[in-house]
Structures are given as C-alpha cells and as structure tokens.
Protein backbone atom coordinates (compact mmCIF):
# COMPACT_ATOMS: atom_id res chain seq x y z
CA MET A 1 62.65 29.68 200.89
CA HIS A 2 59.18 29.34 199.37
CA ALA A 3 58.18 32.73 200.84
CA LEU A 4 61.27 34.35 199.32
CA VAL A 5 60.47 32.92 195.88
CA SER A 6 56.85 34.09 196.21
CA ILE A 7 57.94 37.62 197.11
CA HIS A 8 60.43 37.64 194.23
CA ASP A 9 57.76 36.50 191.77
CA ALA A 10 55.19 39.01 193.02
CA VAL A 11 57.62 41.93 192.82
CA PHE A 12 58.93 41.07 189.39
CA ARG A 13 55.45 40.35 188.04
CA GLN A 14 54.69 44.00 188.83
CA VAL A 15 57.98 45.11 187.26
CA GLU A 16 57.11 43.15 184.13
CA ARG A 17 53.66 44.77 183.92
CA ALA A 18 55.20 48.22 184.37
CA GLY A 19 57.74 47.34 181.69
CA ASP A 20 54.99 46.99 179.11
CA TRP A 21 54.33 50.72 179.23
CA LEU A 22 57.60 52.00 180.72
CA LEU A 23 60.10 50.31 178.40
CA PRO A 24 58.69 51.76 175.14
CA LEU A 25 58.33 55.19 176.71
CA ALA A 26 61.93 55.02 177.98
CA ALA A 27 63.15 53.84 174.57
CA ARG A 28 61.46 56.79 172.85
CA PHE A 29 62.90 59.17 175.47
CA VAL A 30 66.41 57.78 174.97
CA PHE A 31 65.99 58.06 171.19
CA ALA A 32 64.76 61.66 171.48
CA SER A 33 67.51 62.72 173.86
CA THR A 34 70.40 61.05 172.01
CA LEU A 35 69.55 60.56 168.33
CA LEU A 36 66.79 62.97 167.28
CA LEU A 37 69.05 66.00 166.84
CA TYR A 38 71.82 63.85 165.37
CA PHE A 39 69.55 62.79 162.52
CA TRP A 40 67.88 66.19 162.09
CA ASN A 41 71.23 67.97 161.90
CA SER A 42 72.44 65.40 159.41
CA GLY A 43 69.29 65.98 157.36
CA LEU A 44 69.87 69.75 157.42
CA THR A 45 73.29 69.27 155.79
CA LYS A 46 71.54 67.56 152.88
CA LEU A 47 69.02 70.30 152.08
CA GLY A 48 69.69 72.67 149.20
CA ASP A 49 69.42 76.45 149.47
CA GLY A 50 66.15 78.28 150.03
CA LEU A 51 62.61 76.96 150.07
CA PHE A 52 63.19 74.82 147.01
CA GLY A 53 66.12 73.19 148.78
CA LEU A 54 63.51 70.67 149.95
CA PHE A 55 63.49 69.39 146.36
CA SER A 56 67.10 70.04 145.44
CA PRO A 57 69.59 68.17 147.63
CA SER A 58 72.87 69.86 148.43
CA ILE A 59 76.18 68.53 147.22
CA GLY A 60 76.61 67.40 150.83
CA ALA A 61 73.70 65.00 150.38
CA TYR A 62 75.31 63.40 147.36
CA SER A 63 78.75 63.31 148.97
CA GLN A 64 77.36 61.59 152.06
CA ILE A 65 75.12 59.12 150.25
CA PHE A 66 76.99 58.52 146.97
CA PRO A 67 80.63 59.41 147.69
CA LYS A 68 82.23 57.26 145.00
CA GLN A 69 79.69 58.09 142.31
CA LEU A 70 80.03 61.83 143.00
CA GLU A 71 83.81 61.57 142.82
CA ALA A 72 83.54 59.65 139.53
CA ALA A 73 81.30 62.45 138.19
CA GLY A 74 83.98 65.01 139.02
CA TYR A 75 81.85 66.38 141.87
CA ASP A 76 79.37 67.65 139.28
CA VAL A 77 75.91 66.81 140.66
CA ASP A 78 74.38 67.38 137.22
CA GLN A 79 76.22 64.26 136.02
CA LEU A 80 74.21 62.10 138.42
CA GLY A 81 70.81 60.76 137.44
CA VAL A 82 67.24 60.85 138.66
CA PHE A 83 67.89 57.74 140.77
CA HIS A 84 70.60 59.55 142.75
CA TRP A 85 68.35 62.60 143.19
CA ALA A 86 65.40 60.46 144.39
CA VAL A 87 67.55 58.48 146.84
CA ALA A 88 69.16 61.67 148.19
CA LEU A 89 65.73 63.22 148.76
CA ALA A 90 64.29 60.05 150.29
CA GLY A 91 67.27 59.75 152.63
CA THR A 92 67.00 63.40 153.60
CA TYR A 93 63.27 63.20 154.27
CA ALA A 94 63.76 59.96 156.23
CA GLU A 95 66.17 61.73 158.59
CA PHE A 96 63.43 64.21 159.49
CA ILE A 97 60.24 62.17 159.30
CA LEU A 98 61.17 58.81 160.84
CA PRO A 99 62.71 60.28 164.03
CA LEU A 100 59.72 62.61 164.45
CA LEU A 101 57.31 59.67 164.13
CA ILE A 102 59.25 57.74 166.76
CA VAL A 103 59.36 60.63 169.23
CA ILE A 104 55.63 61.37 169.02
CA GLY A 105 54.80 57.67 168.90
CA LEU A 106 53.00 57.55 165.54
CA LEU A 107 53.43 54.48 163.34
CA THR A 108 56.23 53.69 165.75
CA ARG A 109 56.88 50.11 164.73
CA LEU A 110 57.09 50.97 161.02
CA ALA A 111 59.18 54.09 161.70
CA SER A 112 61.55 52.06 163.87
CA LEU A 113 61.90 49.41 161.16
CA GLY A 114 62.62 52.21 158.70
CA MET A 115 65.27 53.63 161.01
CA ILE A 116 66.88 50.20 161.41
CA GLY A 117 67.12 50.00 157.62
CA PHE A 118 68.42 53.55 157.49
CA VAL A 119 71.14 52.82 160.07
CA ALA A 120 72.13 49.66 158.18
CA VAL A 121 72.45 51.57 154.89
CA GLN A 122 74.25 54.42 156.66
CA SER A 123 76.75 51.97 158.14
CA LEU A 124 77.35 50.17 154.85
CA THR A 125 77.83 53.53 153.11
CA ASP A 126 80.35 54.54 155.76
CA ILE A 127 82.25 51.29 155.32
CA TYR A 128 82.14 50.81 151.54
CA GLY A 129 81.51 54.35 150.30
CA HIS A 130 83.68 56.33 152.69
CA GLY A 131 86.20 53.58 153.51
CA ALA A 132 85.61 53.70 157.28
CA THR A 133 87.46 50.47 157.93
CA ASP A 134 90.03 51.52 160.51
CA ASP A 135 89.73 49.75 163.85
CA LYS A 136 88.79 52.88 165.80
CA THR A 137 85.86 53.77 163.52
CA LEU A 138 84.63 50.32 162.48
CA GLY A 139 85.38 48.54 165.74
CA ALA A 140 84.88 44.89 166.46
CA LEU A 141 82.27 42.99 168.36
CA PHE A 142 83.35 41.19 171.52
CA ASP A 143 86.47 43.27 171.98
CA ARG A 144 87.23 45.32 175.06
CA PHE A 145 86.68 48.71 173.39
CA PRO A 146 83.01 49.77 173.33
CA ASP A 147 83.53 53.13 171.62
CA ALA A 148 83.69 52.39 167.89
CA VAL A 149 81.26 54.48 165.87
CA ILE A 150 79.94 51.81 163.54
CA LEU A 151 79.74 48.38 165.14
CA ASP A 152 79.45 49.42 168.78
CA GLN A 153 77.34 52.58 168.73
CA ARG A 154 75.06 51.55 165.92
CA LEU A 155 74.42 48.15 167.47
CA PHE A 156 73.02 50.03 170.48
CA TRP A 157 70.92 52.19 168.14
CA ILE A 158 69.48 49.12 166.42
CA PHE A 159 68.78 47.44 169.75
CA LEU A 160 66.93 50.54 170.97
CA LEU A 161 64.89 50.66 167.76
CA SER A 162 64.21 46.91 168.01
CA VAL A 163 62.61 47.46 171.40
CA LEU A 164 60.17 49.81 169.71
CA VAL A 165 59.50 47.35 166.89
CA VAL A 166 58.67 44.62 169.41
CA LYS A 167 56.90 46.65 172.11
CA GLY A 168 55.38 49.50 170.10
CA ALA A 169 55.24 53.10 171.27
CA GLY A 170 53.82 52.53 174.73
CA ALA A 171 51.11 54.27 176.70
CA LEU A 172 51.98 57.92 176.06
CA SER A 173 51.83 57.94 172.27
CA VAL A 174 49.75 58.95 169.30
CA ASP A 175 49.54 55.26 168.38
CA ARG A 176 47.79 54.55 171.69
CA LEU A 177 45.39 57.48 171.25
CA LEU A 178 44.45 56.35 167.77
CA ARG A 179 44.03 52.74 168.88
CA HIS A 180 41.61 53.80 171.63
CA ARG A 181 39.64 56.04 169.25
CA MET A 182 39.28 53.22 166.72
CA GLN A 183 38.08 50.61 169.22
CA PRO A 184 34.31 50.23 169.15
CA ALA A 185 32.51 51.35 172.27
CA ILE A 186 31.47 48.43 174.46
CA ALA A 187 27.89 48.81 175.61
C-alpha cells in the first residue's frame, strides 16, 4: 500500500508542477476560443459609424448599457449626458481591450479582474435593465438545468477568469517575457 501511495504522490506532484504552466495557458485558450469573439462582436455593435464611431457610441451601445434611461429619453441619445457617453465608450473599449490583453497574456491578472467586473455589470444590467428574470434566462444555482445564460454560463466565465487572476498568464505570455526581461542578470 505504501508503494501505491508513493507512486500516486510522485505522479500527481508532476501533474501539479505541469499545472502551474498548463492551467493558465489552457484558461487563456478556452477564453480565446469561446469568449473573445463574443465580446468583440458585442463591442462592434456599440461603435458608431465611420472612423469617429470610436468616439461616438451607437444607439445600440446606449440601449444595451442604459436601456431604461434611453427609453425614458424617448430613444434620443442627445438627451443623455456626458456620464452616459463616457460609460458607453468605456464599456465598448473594455470589450475590445480586456479580452485582447487576456489572450496575449499582458497584464493578465488585472485584465481578468476587469472582465470579472464587466461580466458582473453585464449580468446586473441584463437582470435589472433588460428584465431578464425568466427562469430560462436567469436560471438558478443548484438546479438540474445547467443552460441558463446568466447564472450558469456566467458563473463558468467568472471561474475561468478567476483562474487567471490566481495563476496569472502562464509560461507562454507577454507577462512572462516582460518578467524575464526585468529580472536582473545573475552573475
């Protein structure tokens, strides 16, 4: 029995060591393959027309981020203030910049924290702003249906991002390259 325990410990010690570089890399791969285009496409719906659309959010941006305020303003974006404009732009930029940082592994922990905050705000906006409170969309934890958009899917997203907050970007990342360049040479 002692030999079996020793073999188990030796094997899983190696698995644990591999997990230090493999888990963050796998988390970034899963993020890139499942969520990168989701967020970028969502960001594209928020850009205004032409080159200056980068500074002039579309009505879609306001309707996604401030649905009740836009309705109260009679769907006239000009009735909304500078705060609404700044938040719409920040949200739009976040949907492009934060996922890119995660995928390339630059400032990964901060970008992942930012995405966790983004997903939380997105979920609260869906619930309170868009009224997504039906059982199929909102879902419930600890039920037998794992397919609800808000509680089920986004809990997985936040878990994935939490792995990156805790473990960092891993071996194949810009973070790692910069860390090695900044370390003083040992003579």
